[in-house]
Amino acid sequence: MTNVHGFNDLEQREDNKSSVPDNLVDSFTSVFCPRFTYRSISFASIVLYVFLFFSLWFVSWASGIRYYCILYYLGALHPPALMHFQLHRLVLPTFYHADFMHLMNNVISTFFLCFSIEHYLGVKRFIILYLGSSVCGYLLSAAALPKTFTVGASGAIMGMFGYYIIYIFFGLRQMDNRSYLILASMIFINLLLILSSPSGNFFAHLGGVISGAIISLIQADERSDLNVWKRWAKVAVIAYPAVCIAWFLYHRVEY
């Protein structure tokens, strides 16, 4: 009997050890990003952002071609090009970044915000929210700033804030104090960078928040008290791009 108890105690200690993170990365993610997983769109996005940034900087350095020229030819948002139906410029800029600080802000924001949302929504709905917010952010940017060159995933990141606005306001998701603290920290950091950076695109960020809220409301589970709001959101899905396109065309006529 003694041997059996000793074996059980040893087994229990092994179980306890298995629940403890094995390394520093696991320790960090278990505290700040419990839903972190390498097999996710969020992690793939981070890898892609970093890879493209350093690859394009290397190409720029090796070839002598200016970095921003490379971004332009690879599809950065340049509103006049939209008049030639280069609609890929509403999607591809999501994956490019202007400089290292821009990259790091979006990588950090993706890490702290996106894994949890992707886990909750599932891959398909998360992709719709992420890319939809980015595209709509660029639409508003093109309409409000028709001569501005723009890149970055900021519209998509701000769409995550739009998601949280809806889910917290309507009580669609329970969050602990740690999650609220992380969310508040990300809001503070992004606002600080937007206000302190002269190159920050306010309209792309604003469009991301608005469209993220609209998409999140449409994707939310059916609930009687949401029916009216969901109907308005479906109207907004049509009205938002229509207003942006009309505003953009107005600027084109004006200039």
Protein backbone atom coordinates (compact mmCIF):
# COMPACT_ATOMS: atom_id res chain seq x y z
CA MET A 1 0.00 0.00 0.00
CA THR A 2 2.84 2.35 0.77
CA ASN A 3 4.26 1.87 -2.70
CA VAL A 4 0.88 2.57 -4.28
CA HIS A 5 0.45 5.80 -2.33
CA GLY A 6 3.97 6.82 -3.21
CA PHE A 7 3.27 6.18 -6.88
CA ASN A 8 0.04 8.18 -6.71
CA ASP A 9 1.84 11.09 -5.04
CA LEU A 10 4.51 11.03 -7.73
CA GLU A 11 1.84 10.94 -10.44
CA GLN A 12 0.05 13.89 -8.84
CA ARG A 13 3.28 15.89 -8.75
CA GLU A 14 3.87 15.11 -12.43
CA ASP A 15 0.35 16.32 -13.24
CA ASN A 16 1.01 19.54 -11.37
CA LYS A 17 4.26 20.03 -13.25
CA SER A 18 2.51 19.54 -16.58
CA SER A 19 0.17 22.40 -15.78
CA VAL A 20 3.11 24.78 -15.23
CA PRO A 21 4.43 26.53 -18.37
CA ASP A 22 7.70 24.99 -19.60
CA ASN A 23 9.43 28.19 -20.66
CA LEU A 24 9.31 31.96 -20.56
CA VAL A 25 7.18 32.27 -23.70
CA ASP A 26 4.53 29.92 -22.32
CA SER A 27 4.59 31.76 -18.99
CA PHE A 28 4.07 35.11 -20.69
CA THR A 29 1.29 33.95 -23.01
CA SER A 30 -0.52 32.11 -20.21
CA VAL A 31 -0.79 35.39 -18.30
CA PHE A 32 -1.33 37.99 -21.02
CA CYS A 33 -2.76 35.95 -23.90
CA PRO A 34 -4.37 32.73 -22.63
CA ARG A 35 -5.86 31.98 -26.07
CA PHE A 36 -2.49 32.19 -27.82
CA THR A 37 -1.85 29.40 -30.31
CA TYR A 38 0.57 29.03 -33.19
CA ARG A 39 -2.17 27.46 -35.32
CA SER A 40 -4.23 30.61 -35.81
CA ILE A 41 -4.85 33.40 -38.29
CA SER A 42 -3.67 35.89 -35.66
CA PHE A 43 -0.24 34.29 -35.33
CA ALA A 44 0.04 33.88 -39.12
CA SER A 45 -0.72 37.60 -39.48
CA ILE A 46 2.04 38.56 -37.06
CA VAL A 47 4.55 36.35 -38.88
CA LEU A 48 3.48 37.78 -42.25
CA TYR A 49 3.75 41.40 -41.04
CA VAL A 50 7.25 40.88 -39.68
CA PHE A 51 8.43 38.87 -42.69
CA LEU A 52 7.16 41.40 -45.24
CA PHE A 53 8.54 44.39 -43.36
CA PHE A 54 12.10 43.12 -43.04
CA SER A 55 12.07 41.50 -46.49
CA LEU A 56 10.99 44.71 -48.19
CA TRP A 57 13.46 46.80 -46.20
CA PHE A 58 16.21 44.41 -47.30
CA VAL A 59 15.09 44.66 -50.95
CA SER A 60 15.09 48.44 -50.62
CA TRP A 61 18.59 48.44 -49.12
CA ALA A 62 19.99 45.96 -51.66
CA SER A 63 18.42 47.56 -54.72
CA GLY A 64 18.64 51.22 -53.81
CA ILE A 65 14.91 51.64 -54.50
CA ARG A 66 13.11 53.72 -51.90
CA TYR A 67 11.05 51.66 -49.47
CA TYR A 68 7.88 53.65 -50.11
CA CYS A 69 8.25 53.16 -53.87
CA ILE A 70 8.35 49.42 -53.31
CA LEU A 71 5.21 49.63 -51.16
CA TYR A 72 3.46 51.62 -53.88
CA TYR A 73 4.23 49.06 -56.58
CA LEU A 74 3.15 46.23 -54.27
CA GLY A 75 -0.27 47.77 -53.71
CA ALA A 76 -0.17 50.41 -50.96
CA LEU A 77 -3.28 52.60 -50.81
CA HIS A 78 -3.01 55.59 -53.13
CA PRO A 79 -6.55 56.93 -53.66
CA PRO A 80 -6.07 58.26 -57.23
CA ALA A 81 -5.17 54.70 -58.30
CA LEU A 82 -8.63 53.55 -57.20
CA MET A 83 -10.07 55.53 -60.10
CA HIS A 84 -8.28 53.03 -62.34
CA PHE A 85 -10.04 50.18 -60.53
CA GLN A 86 -6.93 49.06 -58.64
CA LEU A 87 -9.16 47.70 -55.91
CA HIS A 88 -6.42 45.46 -54.52
CA ARG A 89 -5.14 48.66 -52.89
CA LEU A 90 -7.97 48.37 -50.37
CA VAL A 91 -6.73 44.97 -49.17
CA LEU A 92 -2.97 44.57 -49.65
CA PRO A 93 -1.89 47.62 -47.58
CA THR A 94 -3.14 45.77 -44.49
CA PHE A 95 0.01 43.64 -44.61
CA TYR A 96 2.56 46.46 -45.05
CA HIS A 97 3.95 48.88 -42.47
CA ALA A 98 5.57 52.28 -42.80
CA ASP A 99 8.33 51.89 -40.21
CA PHE A 100 9.48 49.74 -37.31
CA MET A 101 7.38 51.52 -34.64
CA HIS A 102 4.30 51.17 -36.82
CA LEU A 103 5.02 47.46 -37.18
CA MET A 104 5.61 46.90 -33.46
CA ASN A 105 2.42 48.70 -32.43
CA ASN A 106 0.31 46.51 -34.71
CA VAL A 107 2.14 43.32 -33.74
CA ILE A 108 1.63 44.04 -30.03
CA SER A 109 -2.02 44.99 -30.56
CA THR A 110 -2.63 41.84 -32.59
CA PHE A 111 -1.03 39.73 -29.87
CA PHE A 112 -3.10 41.15 -27.03
CA LEU A 113 -6.43 41.55 -28.84
CA CYS A 114 -6.86 39.14 -31.73
CA PHE A 115 -6.22 35.65 -30.35
CA SER A 116 -9.10 35.87 -27.90
CA ILE A 117 -11.49 37.23 -30.53
CA GLU A 118 -10.48 34.60 -33.07
CA HIS A 119 -11.05 31.86 -30.48
CA TYR A 120 -14.49 33.23 -29.65
CA LEU A 121 -15.67 33.95 -33.23
CA GLY A 122 -14.02 31.13 -35.13
CA VAL A 123 -11.74 31.49 -38.14
CA LYS A 124 -14.29 32.49 -40.80
CA ARG A 125 -16.06 35.17 -38.78
CA PHE A 126 -12.73 36.49 -37.51
CA ILE A 127 -11.35 36.88 -41.05
CA ILE A 128 -14.51 38.73 -42.10
CA LEU A 129 -14.19 41.06 -39.11
CA TYR A 130 -10.45 41.61 -39.55
CA LEU A 131 -10.30 42.21 -43.29
CA GLY A 132 -13.70 43.90 -43.40
CA SER A 133 -12.60 46.46 -40.82
CA SER A 134 -9.36 47.08 -42.69
CA VAL A 135 -11.03 47.56 -46.09
CA CYS A 136 -13.68 49.87 -44.64
CA GLY A 137 -11.00 51.85 -42.83
CA TYR A 138 -9.20 52.36 -46.13
CA LEU A 139 -12.46 53.36 -47.83
CA LEU A 140 -13.02 56.16 -45.34
CA SER A 141 -9.36 57.17 -45.58
CA ALA A 142 -9.55 57.38 -49.38
CA ALA A 143 -12.71 59.47 -49.16
CA ALA A 144 -11.46 61.89 -46.49
CA LEU A 145 -7.81 62.06 -47.56
CA PRO A 146 -7.86 61.55 -51.34
CA LYS A 147 -4.15 62.28 -51.83
CA THR A 148 -2.72 60.37 -48.86
CA PHE A 149 -0.46 57.33 -49.21
CA THR A 150 -1.44 54.76 -46.55
CA VAL A 151 -0.34 51.33 -45.31
CA GLY A 152 -0.82 49.29 -42.15
CA ALA A 153 -3.16 46.99 -40.28
CA SER A 154 -4.43 49.76 -38.03
CA GLY A 155 -7.94 49.68 -39.50
CA ALA A 156 -8.15 45.95 -38.78
CA ILE A 157 -6.81 46.45 -35.25
CA MET A 158 -9.32 49.22 -34.59
CA GLY A 159 -12.02 46.86 -35.83
CA MET A 160 -11.16 44.70 -32.81
CA PHE A 161 -11.95 47.69 -30.59
CA GLY A 162 -15.26 48.03 -32.42
CA TYR A 163 -15.91 44.38 -31.60
CA TYR A 164 -15.26 44.98 -27.90
CA ILE A 165 -17.46 48.08 -27.87
CA ILE A 166 -20.42 46.02 -29.12
CA TYR A 167 -19.79 42.94 -27.00
CA ILE A 168 -19.26 44.92 -23.78
CA PHE A 169 -22.10 47.39 -24.39
CA PHE A 170 -24.64 44.64 -25.07
CA GLY A 171 -23.20 42.22 -22.53
CA LEU A 172 -22.54 39.56 -25.17
CA ARG A 173 -19.34 38.33 -23.60
CA GLN A 174 -18.07 37.99 -20.04
CA MET A 175 -14.61 39.42 -19.37
CA ASP A 176 -12.43 39.27 -16.28
CA ASN A 177 -10.51 42.18 -14.76
CA ARG A 178 -7.30 41.16 -16.53
CA SER A 179 -9.02 41.35 -19.92
CA TYR A 180 -10.40 44.81 -19.12
CA LEU A 181 -6.94 45.96 -18.05
CA ILE A 182 -5.32 44.69 -21.25
CA LEU A 183 -8.06 46.27 -23.37
CA ALA A 184 -7.70 49.62 -21.57
CA SER A 185 -3.92 49.49 -22.03
CA MET A 186 -4.25 48.82 -25.76
CA ILE A 187 -6.74 51.67 -26.17
CA PHE A 188 -4.40 54.04 -24.33
CA ILE A 189 -1.34 53.00 -26.36
CA ASN A 190 -3.15 53.28 -29.70
CA LEU A 191 -4.67 56.66 -28.85
CA LEU A 192 -1.28 57.92 -27.73
CA LEU A 193 0.35 56.83 -30.98
CA ILE A 194 -2.47 58.25 -33.12
CA LEU A 195 -2.35 61.63 -31.40
CA SER A 196 1.44 61.85 -31.19
CA SER A 197 2.26 60.69 -34.72
CA PRO A 198 1.91 63.32 -37.45
CA SER A 199 1.69 60.54 -40.05
CA GLY A 200 -1.10 58.70 -38.26
CA ASN A 201 -4.22 58.27 -40.40
CA PHE A 202 -7.12 59.21 -38.13
CA PHE A 203 -9.80 58.34 -40.69
CA ALA A 204 -8.47 54.82 -41.31
CA HIS A 205 -8.60 54.21 -37.56
CA LEU A 206 -12.08 55.72 -37.25
CA GLY A 207 -13.37 53.68 -40.18
CA GLY A 208 -11.97 50.53 -38.59
CA VAL A 209 -13.79 51.15 -35.31
CA ILE A 210 -17.11 51.94 -37.01
CA SER A 211 -17.02 49.00 -39.41
CA GLY A 212 -15.77 46.64 -36.69
CA ALA A 213 -18.78 47.55 -34.57
CA ILE A 214 -21.17 47.09 -37.50
CA ILE A 215 -19.75 43.70 -38.52
CA SER A 216 -19.68 42.49 -34.91
CA LEU A 217 -23.31 43.43 -34.43
CA ILE A 218 -24.33 41.50 -37.56
CA GLN A 219 -22.28 38.47 -36.50
CA ALA A 220 -23.65 38.46 -32.95
CA ASP A 221 -25.94 35.61 -31.96
CA GLU A 222 -29.66 36.20 -32.35
CA ARG A 223 -31.23 37.84 -29.33
CA SER A 224 -34.59 39.58 -29.05
CA ASP A 225 -33.16 42.84 -27.71
CA LEU A 226 -30.67 42.96 -30.61
CA ASN A 227 -33.13 42.57 -33.47
CA VAL A 228 -33.57 46.31 -34.10
CA TRP A 229 -29.84 46.98 -33.78
CA LYS A 230 -29.00 44.14 -36.17
CA ARG A 231 -31.43 45.53 -38.76
CA TRP A 232 -29.77 48.95 -38.54
CA ALA A 233 -26.37 47.30 -38.83
CA LYS A 234 -27.43 45.57 -42.06
CA VAL A 235 -28.52 48.94 -43.44
CA ALA A 236 -25.17 50.43 -42.37
CA VAL A 237 -23.29 47.71 -44.26
CA ILE A 238 -24.72 49.17 -47.47
CA ALA A 239 -24.79 52.83 -46.43
CA TYR A 240 -21.20 53.01 -45.14
CA PRO A 241 -19.39 52.11 -48.39
CA ALA A 242 -21.96 54.07 -50.44
CA VAL A 243 -21.23 57.25 -48.45
CA CYS A 244 -17.46 56.67 -48.67
CA ILE A 245 -17.57 56.12 -52.44
CA ALA A 246 -19.79 59.19 -52.98
CA TRP A 247 -17.45 61.31 -50.83
CA PHE A 248 -14.42 60.00 -52.72
CA LEU A 249 -15.98 60.76 -56.12
CA TYR A 250 -16.92 64.25 -54.91
CA HIS A 251 -13.26 64.93 -54.10
CA ARG A 252 -12.22 63.64 -57.52
CA VAL A 253 -14.62 66.06 -59.25
CA GLU A 254 -13.48 68.87 -56.97
CA TYR A 255 -9.79 68.35 -57.74
